Amino acid sequence: MEAEAAKFIGAGIACFGMAGAAIGVANIFGNFLSGALRNPSAASGQFGNLIFGFAVTEALGIFSFLIALILLFVA
């Protein structure tokens, strides 16, 4: 296998992390919405946890994208 083909395969595999981040964000917001509809008075107390979970999940997706770019253009 050529090195160029291996770079493209590795970058494609690294992009699976972005799909996982998208699923994670959807899961976080879906569960928050479900809980907020069941108990609206407690929803405002959990908003900080919602934003923190969103930020961490998106950071992992961006990290995965960065690894894919490093594999394509640096390695």
Protein backbone atom coordinates (compact mmCIF):
# COMPACT_ATOMS: atom_id res chain seq x y z
CA MET A 1 0.00 0.00 0.00
CA GLU A 2 1.28 3.43 -0.86
CA ALA A 3 1.90 5.98 1.88
CA GLU A 4 -0.53 8.44 0.26
CA ALA A 5 -3.36 5.90 0.36
CA ALA A 6 -2.62 5.11 4.00
CA LYS A 7 -2.85 8.83 4.83
CA PHE A 8 -6.30 9.06 3.26
CA ILE A 9 -7.51 5.91 5.02
CA GLY A 10 -6.21 7.16 8.37
CA ALA A 11 -7.85 10.56 7.92
CA GLY A 12 -11.15 8.90 7.03
CA ILE A 13 -11.01 6.73 10.12
CA ALA A 14 -10.17 9.77 12.27
CA CYS A 15 -13.34 11.45 10.98
CA PHE A 16 -15.46 8.82 12.72
CA GLY A 17 -14.85 10.84 15.88
CA MET A 18 -16.82 13.71 14.40
CA ALA A 19 -19.77 11.39 13.83
CA GLY A 20 -19.52 10.29 17.45
CA ALA A 21 -19.52 13.91 18.58
CA ALA A 22 -22.65 14.61 16.54
CA ILE A 23 -24.41 11.63 18.10
CA GLY A 24 -23.26 12.76 21.55
CA VAL A 25 -24.59 16.29 21.09
CA ALA A 26 -27.93 14.96 19.88
CA ASN A 27 -28.10 12.63 22.86
CA ILE A 28 -27.28 15.43 25.33
CA PHE A 29 -29.88 17.84 23.96
CA GLY A 30 -32.53 15.14 23.52
CA ASN A 31 -32.18 13.98 27.10
CA PHE A 32 -32.21 17.55 28.38
CA LEU A 33 -35.37 18.31 26.44
CA SER A 34 -37.02 15.14 27.70
CA GLY A 35 -36.13 15.98 31.29
CA ALA A 36 -37.15 19.62 30.93
CA LEU A 37 -40.58 18.61 29.64
CA ARG A 38 -41.08 16.24 32.55
CA ASN A 39 -39.91 18.69 35.24
CA PRO A 40 -39.82 22.29 33.94
CA SER A 41 -38.90 23.78 37.32
CA ALA A 42 -35.60 21.85 37.43
CA ALA A 43 -34.60 22.64 33.84
CA SER A 44 -32.95 25.96 34.66
CA GLY A 45 -30.74 24.30 37.28
CA GLN A 46 -29.41 21.82 34.72
CA PHE A 47 -28.68 24.32 31.97
CA GLY A 48 -25.06 24.73 33.06
CA ASN A 49 -24.51 20.99 32.85
CA LEU A 50 -26.08 21.03 29.39
CA ILE A 51 -23.67 23.68 28.12
CA PHE A 52 -20.67 21.93 29.70
CA GLY A 53 -21.60 18.61 28.10
CA PHE A 54 -22.10 20.30 24.75
CA ALA A 55 -18.70 22.02 24.97
CA VAL A 56 -16.81 18.87 25.90
CA THR A 57 -18.50 16.82 23.19
CA GLU A 58 -17.83 19.42 20.52
CA ALA A 59 -14.22 19.76 21.67
CA LEU A 60 -13.72 16.05 21.08
CA GLY A 61 -15.22 16.37 17.60
CA ILE A 62 -12.94 19.29 16.76
CA PHE A 63 -9.96 17.34 18.10
CA SER A 64 -10.88 14.46 15.81
CA PHE A 65 -11.06 16.85 12.86
CA LEU A 66 -7.67 18.28 13.80
CA ILE A 67 -6.13 14.81 13.85
CA ALA A 68 -7.57 14.11 10.40
CA LEU A 69 -6.06 17.35 9.05
CA ILE A 70 -2.70 16.56 10.62
CA LEU A 71 -2.74 13.13 9.01
CA LEU A 72 -3.53 14.63 5.61
CA PHE A 73 -1.22 17.63 5.49
CA VAL A 74 1.60 17.14 7.99
CA ALA A 75 2.38 13.46 8.29
